[in-house]
Protein backbone atom coordinates (compact mmCIF):
# COMPACT_ATOMS: atom_id res chain seq x y z
CA MET A 1 -23.27 15.61 -48.15
CA PRO A 2 -20.01 13.70 -47.52
CA ARG A 3 -17.90 13.52 -50.64
CA ALA A 4 -14.52 12.40 -51.95
CA TRP A 5 -12.33 13.99 -54.62
CA SER A 6 -9.20 12.56 -56.21
CA HIS A 7 -6.42 14.25 -58.16
CA GLU A 8 -3.51 12.94 -60.13
CA ILE A 9 -0.27 14.70 -59.23
CA LEU A 10 1.56 15.41 -62.46
CA GLY A 11 5.32 15.87 -62.20
CA ALA A 12 5.72 14.20 -58.78
CA PRO A 13 9.27 12.86 -58.32
CA ALA A 14 10.02 9.21 -57.60
CA THR A 15 11.69 10.23 -54.34
CA TRP A 16 8.27 10.84 -52.80
CA GLY A 17 7.95 7.11 -52.36
CA ARG A 18 10.59 7.20 -49.61
CA GLY A 19 8.56 9.10 -47.05
CA PHE A 20 5.20 9.97 -45.57
CA HIS A 21 3.82 13.27 -46.88
CA GLY A 22 0.39 13.56 -45.31
CA ALA A 23 1.28 16.69 -43.34
CA ALA A 24 2.42 18.55 -46.47
CA PHE A 25 -0.81 17.71 -48.29
CA HIS A 26 -2.85 18.66 -45.22
CA ALA A 27 -1.26 22.11 -45.51
CA LEU A 28 -1.87 22.13 -49.26
CA LEU A 29 -5.59 21.50 -48.75
CA PHE A 30 -5.82 24.51 -46.44
CA ASP A 31 -3.98 26.64 -49.00
CA LEU A 32 -6.43 25.58 -51.70
CA LEU A 33 -9.43 26.13 -49.44
CA LYS A 34 -8.21 29.67 -48.71
CA GLN A 35 -8.51 30.43 -52.41
CA LYS A 36 -12.25 29.69 -52.26
CA ASP A 37 -13.19 30.77 -48.74
CA ALA A 38 -10.48 32.26 -46.55
CA ASP A 39 -12.83 32.71 -43.59
CA LEU A 40 -13.85 29.04 -43.69
CA ALA A 41 -10.22 27.95 -43.90
CA HIS A 42 -9.38 30.05 -40.85
CA ARG A 43 -12.31 28.73 -38.81
CA LEU A 44 -11.57 25.15 -39.81
CA HIS A 45 -7.92 25.48 -38.85
CA ALA A 46 -8.89 26.89 -35.44
CA ARG A 47 -11.52 24.22 -34.75
CA PRO A 48 -10.40 21.97 -31.88
CA GLY A 49 -10.37 18.21 -32.13
CA GLN A 50 -10.31 16.03 -35.22
CA LYS A 51 -10.93 17.85 -38.49
CA PRO A 52 -14.02 16.87 -40.53
CA PHE A 53 -12.02 15.56 -43.47
CA GLY A 54 -9.45 12.90 -44.25
CA ILE A 55 -6.57 12.59 -46.68
CA GLU A 56 -5.37 9.55 -48.58
CA GLY A 57 -2.00 9.65 -50.29
CA PRO A 58 -0.13 10.83 -52.13
CA ALA A 59 0.45 7.24 -53.22
CA LEU A 60 1.25 5.39 -56.42
CA ASN A 61 -1.69 3.54 -57.95
CA PRO A 62 -1.25 0.25 -59.85
CA GLN A 63 -0.71 2.22 -63.08
CA GLY A 64 2.21 4.11 -61.53
CA ARG A 65 0.35 7.43 -61.18
CA TRP A 66 0.57 9.55 -58.05
CA ILE A 67 -2.93 10.00 -56.60
CA TRP A 68 -4.19 12.18 -53.76
CA THR A 69 -7.71 11.86 -52.34
CA VAL A 70 -9.62 14.17 -50.01
CA LYS A 71 -12.71 12.92 -48.13
CA VAL A 72 -14.92 15.65 -46.69
CA LEU A 73 -17.57 15.17 -43.99
CA ASP A 74 -18.53 18.81 -43.43
CA PRO A 75 -21.25 20.35 -45.66
CA GLU A 76 -19.65 23.81 -45.57
CA ILE A 77 -16.35 22.47 -46.89
CA GLU A 78 -18.17 20.38 -49.50
CA ALA A 79 -20.07 23.44 -50.70
CA ALA A 80 -16.86 25.48 -50.96
CA LEU A 81 -15.12 22.82 -53.08
CA ASP A 82 -18.12 21.71 -55.16
CA GLY A 83 -17.89 22.60 -58.83
CA TRP A 84 -14.23 23.56 -58.53
CA PHE A 85 -12.31 20.70 -56.95
CA ASP A 86 -13.80 18.17 -59.37
CA ARG A 87 -12.56 20.17 -62.39
CA LEU A 88 -9.23 21.24 -60.96
CA LEU A 89 -6.16 21.62 -63.17
CA LEU A 90 -3.85 23.70 -61.05
CA PRO A 91 -0.08 24.17 -60.74
CA VAL A 92 0.99 24.10 -57.09
CA ARG A 93 4.18 23.85 -55.11
CA VAL A 94 4.42 21.16 -52.45
CA LEU A 95 7.39 19.49 -50.76
CA GLY A 96 9.63 21.86 -52.68
CA GLU A 97 8.41 20.58 -56.04
CA ALA A 98 6.38 22.28 -58.75
CA VAL A 99 3.58 19.85 -59.67
CA THR A 100 0.12 20.03 -61.20
CA LEU A 101 -3.08 18.71 -59.65
CA ARG A 102 -5.47 17.25 -62.22
CA ALA A 103 -8.97 16.15 -61.20
CA ILE A 104 -9.83 12.51 -61.95
CA ALA A 105 -12.70 10.19 -61.04
CA PRO A 106 -12.70 9.55 -57.27
CA ALA A 107 -10.35 6.69 -56.44
CA VAL A 108 -12.57 5.36 -53.64
CA ALA A 109 -15.74 3.35 -53.26
CA ASP A 110 -18.87 5.37 -52.45
CA PRO A 111 -17.48 8.82 -53.37
CA THR A 112 -20.77 10.48 -52.40
CA TRP A 113 -23.54 9.47 -50.00
CA THR A 114 -25.90 10.95 -47.44
CA TRP A 115 -25.88 10.55 -43.68
CA GLY A 116 -29.32 8.98 -43.85
CA GLU A 117 -28.20 6.40 -46.42
CA ARG A 118 -25.17 5.46 -44.36
CA ALA A 119 -27.22 5.25 -41.14
CA ASP A 120 -29.81 3.00 -42.81
CA GLY A 121 -27.08 0.45 -43.40
CA PHE A 122 -26.57 0.07 -39.65
CA THR A 123 -29.42 -2.46 -39.47
CA ARG A 124 -29.27 -3.68 -43.08
CA VAL A 125 -25.62 -4.60 -43.58
CA GLU A 126 -24.87 -8.32 -43.62
CA PRO A 127 -23.77 -9.81 -40.28
CA VAL A 128 -20.09 -10.68 -40.41
CA ASP A 129 -18.02 -13.53 -38.99
CA SER A 130 -14.49 -12.56 -40.04
CA LEU A 131 -12.80 -9.41 -41.35
CA ARG A 132 -9.31 -8.47 -42.45
CA LEU A 133 -8.20 -4.98 -41.45
CA GLU A 134 -5.21 -3.38 -43.16
CA TRP A 135 -3.73 -0.12 -41.94
CA LEU A 136 -1.96 1.37 -44.93
CA THR A 137 -0.46 4.37 -43.11
CA PRO A 138 0.64 4.73 -39.48
CA THR A 139 -2.36 4.44 -37.17
CA VAL A 140 -2.30 6.04 -33.73
CA PHE A 141 -4.81 6.45 -30.93
CA ARG A 142 -5.01 9.44 -28.60
CA VAL A 143 -5.83 8.21 -25.07
CA ASP A 144 -5.63 10.41 -21.97
CA GLY A 145 -3.24 12.81 -23.66
CA GLN A 146 -0.90 10.08 -24.92
CA ASP A 147 -0.45 8.54 -28.37
CA LEU A 148 -0.77 4.75 -28.48
CA CYS A 149 0.21 2.76 -31.57
CA TRP A 150 -1.04 -0.71 -30.62
CA PRO A 151 -4.44 -1.15 -32.35
CA GLU A 152 -6.41 -2.71 -29.53
CA THR A 153 -9.81 -3.81 -30.74
CA ARG A 154 -11.64 -1.53 -28.29
CA LEU A 155 -9.62 1.49 -29.42
CA VAL A 156 -10.29 0.77 -33.08
CA LEU A 157 -14.04 0.37 -32.48
CA ARG A 158 -14.19 3.44 -30.25
CA SER A 159 -12.43 5.60 -32.84
CA TRP A 160 -14.99 4.64 -35.49
CA GLN A 161 -17.92 5.24 -33.15
CA GLN A 162 -16.60 8.62 -32.02
CA ARG A 163 -15.95 9.70 -35.59
CA TRP A 164 -19.60 9.11 -36.44
CA SER A 165 -20.95 10.66 -33.25
CA THR A 166 -18.89 13.85 -33.65
CA THR A 167 -19.63 14.44 -37.35
CA SER A 168 -23.00 12.92 -38.23
CA PRO A 169 -26.35 14.64 -37.68
CA VAL A 170 -27.94 11.17 -37.42
CA PRO A 171 -27.36 9.49 -34.02
CA LEU A 172 -26.91 5.71 -33.86
CA PRO A 173 -27.34 3.35 -30.87
CA PHE A 174 -23.79 2.06 -30.67
CA THR A 175 -22.87 -0.81 -28.36
CA ASP A 176 -20.18 -0.15 -25.77
CA PRO A 177 -16.84 -0.77 -27.56
CA GLU A 178 -15.50 -2.80 -24.63
CA ALA A 179 -18.44 -5.19 -24.99
CA LEU A 180 -18.04 -5.49 -28.77
CA ALA A 181 -14.30 -6.06 -28.40
CA SER A 182 -14.94 -8.93 -25.98
CA VAL A 183 -16.43 -11.06 -28.79
CA ILE A 184 -13.61 -10.41 -31.29
CA SER A 185 -10.42 -12.46 -31.43
CA TRP A 186 -7.36 -11.96 -33.61
CA SER A 187 -5.41 -14.23 -35.93
CA GLY A 188 -2.84 -14.06 -38.69
CA TYR A 189 -1.65 -10.58 -37.92
CA ASP A 190 1.47 -8.73 -39.03
CA LEU A 191 1.95 -5.28 -37.49
CA VAL A 192 4.91 -2.94 -37.68
CA SER A 193 5.38 0.34 -35.81
CA ARG A 194 6.57 3.28 -37.86
CA ARG A 195 7.78 6.68 -36.68
CA ILE A 196 6.81 9.65 -38.81
CA GLN A 197 7.95 13.26 -38.57
CA GLY A 198 6.72 15.97 -40.87
CA GLY A 199 5.49 19.49 -40.28
CA HIS A 200 3.55 19.54 -37.02
CA VAL A 201 2.96 15.78 -37.08
CA GLN A 202 5.20 13.54 -34.99
CA ALA A 203 3.83 10.14 -34.08
CA THR A 204 4.54 6.44 -33.95
CA GLY A 205 1.75 4.39 -35.47
CA ALA A 206 1.02 0.83 -36.53
CA THR A 207 0.85 -0.37 -40.10
CA GLY A 208 0.04 -3.85 -41.32
CA ARG A 209 -2.90 -6.21 -41.07
CA VAL A 210 -4.95 -8.26 -38.63
CA ASP A 211 -7.82 -10.69 -39.06
CA TRP A 212 -10.80 -10.29 -36.75
CA HIS A 213 -13.06 -13.23 -35.92
CA VAL A 214 -16.38 -12.82 -34.15
CA ARG A 215 -17.14 -15.39 -31.48
CA PRO A 216 -19.65 -18.06 -32.57
CA GLY A 217 -23.04 -17.43 -31.03
CA THR A 218 -22.66 -13.65 -31.06
CA SER A 219 -25.96 -11.93 -31.81
CA GLU A 220 -26.76 -10.95 -35.37
CA ALA A 221 -27.17 -7.32 -34.26
CA TRP A 222 -23.62 -7.16 -32.92
CA ARG A 223 -22.22 -8.90 -36.01
CA ARG A 224 -23.99 -6.30 -38.16
CA GLU A 225 -22.66 -3.46 -36.05
CA ILE A 226 -19.07 -4.72 -36.28
CA HIS A 227 -19.39 -4.99 -40.06
CA TRP A 228 -20.99 -1.55 -40.36
CA LEU A 229 -18.32 0.08 -38.21
CA ALA A 230 -15.53 -1.52 -40.23
CA ARG A 231 -17.03 -0.29 -43.50
CA TRP A 232 -17.40 3.18 -42.00
CA GLY A 233 -13.78 3.02 -40.84
CA SER A 234 -12.60 2.18 -44.34
CA TRP A 235 -14.07 5.50 -45.51
CA VAL A 236 -13.05 7.81 -42.66
CA GLY A 237 -9.91 6.08 -41.42
CA THR A 238 -8.93 4.80 -38.00
CA GLY A 239 -7.62 6.62 -34.95
CA ALA A 240 -6.23 10.15 -34.71
CA LYS A 241 -4.78 12.58 -37.26
CA THR A 242 -6.68 11.18 -40.25
CA ALA A 243 -6.73 14.74 -41.65
CA HIS A 244 -2.95 14.34 -42.00
CA GLY A 245 -3.25 11.01 -43.80
CA LEU A 246 -2.78 8.71 -40.82
CA GLY A 247 -4.99 5.69 -40.21
CA GLN A 248 -5.88 4.90 -43.83
CA THR A 249 -7.82 1.65 -43.59
CA ARG A 250 -8.77 -1.16 -45.96
CA VAL A 251 -11.37 -3.75 -44.93
CA THR A 252 -12.06 -7.14 -46.50
CA VAL A 253 -14.81 -9.54 -45.47
CA LEU A 254 -13.34 -13.03 -45.16
CA GLU A 255 -15.32 -15.95 -46.44
CA PRO A 256 -16.67 -18.54 -43.98
CA GLY A 257 -14.13 -21.22 -43.25
CA HIS A 258 -11.16 -18.87 -43.71
CA ALA A 259 -8.14 -20.53 -42.11
CA ARG A 260 -7.50 -19.16 -38.65
CA GLU A 261 -4.14 -19.14 -36.97
CA ARG A 262 -5.52 -18.85 -33.46
CA ARG A 263 -3.03 -18.11 -30.71
CA GLU A 264 -3.54 -19.38 -27.20
CA GLY A 265 -3.37 -17.07 -24.22
CA HIS A 266 -3.98 -13.73 -25.93
CA PRO A 267 -7.33 -12.61 -27.33
CA GLU A 268 -5.60 -10.24 -29.74
CA GLY A 269 -2.75 -12.37 -31.01
CA ALA A 270 0.52 -13.82 -29.84
CA SER A 271 3.29 -11.28 -30.18
CA HIS A 272 3.97 -7.85 -31.59
CA ARG A 273 6.68 -7.65 -34.24
CA GLU A 274 7.98 -4.13 -33.87
CA ARG A 275 10.43 -2.26 -36.05
CA VAL A 276 10.84 1.49 -35.60
CA ARG A 277 11.63 3.35 -38.78
CA ALA A 278 13.03 6.83 -38.95
């Protein structure tokens, strides 16, 4: 059963806020998993393709506490961590600092669910007209051996569909992402490219937000599918390297009549404001 765990990081220095630390916490998760099941940790590390888990944080919450969240899609990993990860109070060393992980209530919506429950929502979720997507950490797409940072609608949709198809035991009749993308236009977006380097992760990804608007007259089935995929993406992340903390995604349904800043001549916006950060 897919599941999320969150931990407060006691003793984390303020300097952590200056960088991206997903790769270090990816390594920390493997170190912790080795303590419970070394064989599983080895097999998981050797598994090709995208890993069946995602990382959020470490990040400061509104109360000023450093929080780290792990979202697991694989039942074997869930079984190894169950009953231990949710009661964890463990000193560890990460990023050269001695800190303590303390288990807290999961800092995400829907911390546990079943594949069947999630699949049932495919035809039951409300049809959507407009969505706001926010990429909180650099988001990158692996296409033909190259990393792309521009979040084209078709790439975003395809990443969510592939994530389901490669991890879920319940197949769903997805629409071709090119077709779905053809009924979505952009407005009011603000995207920045950011270069990250840490451990084995080197990538340039997009952060920021974009509003999606579904073309009037689009079928209810497609509007449901777009909404369902976006909600799924907010749980698993968007694009590649989500196991290293990339592609963390927040989705908001916009109310009807939301002001649109439509741009002529480009179905996905007007211009890309790019700033590369070291």
